[in-house]
Amino acid sequence: MNEWPDVMKVEQVAAYLQMDPNAIRAMLRARKLPGRKVGVEWRVLRSELDVWLRQSEPVGDGEAAER
């Protein structure tokens, strides 16, 4: 996929981050990723995801960010 939508579904976020969709859902539920529940499905703004990716905070479950 060359062009990513502005508003992404879980499966698109998973592809974008090269992760499992279930891991993305767990991160969204735990508020470790920026997103909103719309009905029963999650939506993530690509712009917020890009900001999240650029943060220098630890990114995993207690893991320090690689330097």
Protein backbone atom coordinates (compact mmCIF):
# COMPACT_ATOMS: atom_id res chain seq x y z
CA MET A 1 0.00 0.00 0.00
CA ASN A 2 1.65 3.24 -1.14
CA GLU A 3 -0.85 5.76 0.22
CA TRP A 4 -2.12 5.35 3.77
CA PRO A 5 -5.53 6.80 4.67
CA ASP A 6 -5.85 9.66 7.17
CA VAL A 7 -8.09 7.50 9.37
CA MET A 8 -6.87 3.93 9.75
CA LYS A 9 -8.53 0.69 10.87
CA VAL A 10 -6.76 -1.78 13.17
CA GLU A 11 -5.64 -3.94 10.25
CA GLN A 12 -4.17 -0.92 8.47
CA VAL A 13 -2.34 0.21 11.62
CA ALA A 14 -0.98 -3.33 12.00
CA ALA A 15 0.32 -3.31 8.42
CA TYR A 16 1.76 0.21 8.86
CA LEU A 17 3.63 -0.82 12.03
CA GLN A 18 4.31 -4.37 10.78
CA MET A 19 2.62 -5.87 13.84
CA ASP A 20 -0.14 -8.33 14.61
CA PRO A 21 -3.67 -6.83 14.66
CA ASN A 22 -4.37 -8.42 18.05
CA ALA A 23 -1.31 -6.67 19.50
CA ILE A 24 -2.57 -3.37 18.08
CA ARG A 25 -6.00 -3.90 19.69
CA ALA A 26 -4.35 -4.67 23.04
CA MET A 27 -2.21 -1.52 22.80
CA LEU A 28 -5.27 0.56 21.95
CA ARG A 29 -7.24 -0.86 24.90
CA ALA A 30 -4.29 -0.15 27.20
CA ARG A 31 -4.03 3.38 25.76
CA LYS A 32 -0.47 2.75 24.58
CA LEU A 33 -1.47 3.84 21.08
CA PRO A 34 -3.58 6.88 20.18
CA GLY A 35 -6.99 5.86 18.93
CA ARG A 36 -10.75 6.12 19.37
CA LYS A 37 -13.48 3.52 19.52
CA VAL A 38 -16.14 4.17 16.87
CA GLY A 39 -18.98 1.81 17.62
CA VAL A 40 -17.27 -1.54 18.12
CA GLU A 41 -14.23 -0.76 15.96
CA TRP A 42 -11.08 1.24 16.60
CA ARG A 43 -9.92 4.13 14.43
CA VAL A 44 -6.51 5.78 14.50
CA LEU A 45 -5.50 9.06 12.89
CA ARG A 46 -2.36 8.51 10.86
CA SER A 47 -1.03 11.91 11.95
CA GLU A 48 -1.35 10.93 15.64
CA LEU A 49 0.29 7.57 14.94
CA ASP A 50 3.22 9.33 13.26
CA VAL A 51 3.63 11.63 16.28
CA TRP A 52 3.53 8.59 18.58
CA LEU A 53 6.24 6.90 16.51
CA ARG A 54 8.53 9.93 16.86
CA GLN A 55 8.28 10.09 20.66
CA SER A 56 11.45 9.28 22.56
CA GLU A 57 9.60 7.56 25.42
CA PRO A 58 9.77 3.80 26.07
CA VAL A 59 7.61 2.05 23.51
CA GLY A 60 6.94 -1.41 24.91
CA ASP A 61 5.89 -3.05 28.15
CA GLY A 62 8.58 -1.47 30.28
CA GLU A 63 11.21 -1.64 27.52
CA ALA A 64 13.61 1.24 27.11
CA ALA A 65 13.74 2.84 23.70
CA GLU A 66 16.75 1.78 21.65
CA ARG A 67 19.38 4.43 21.18
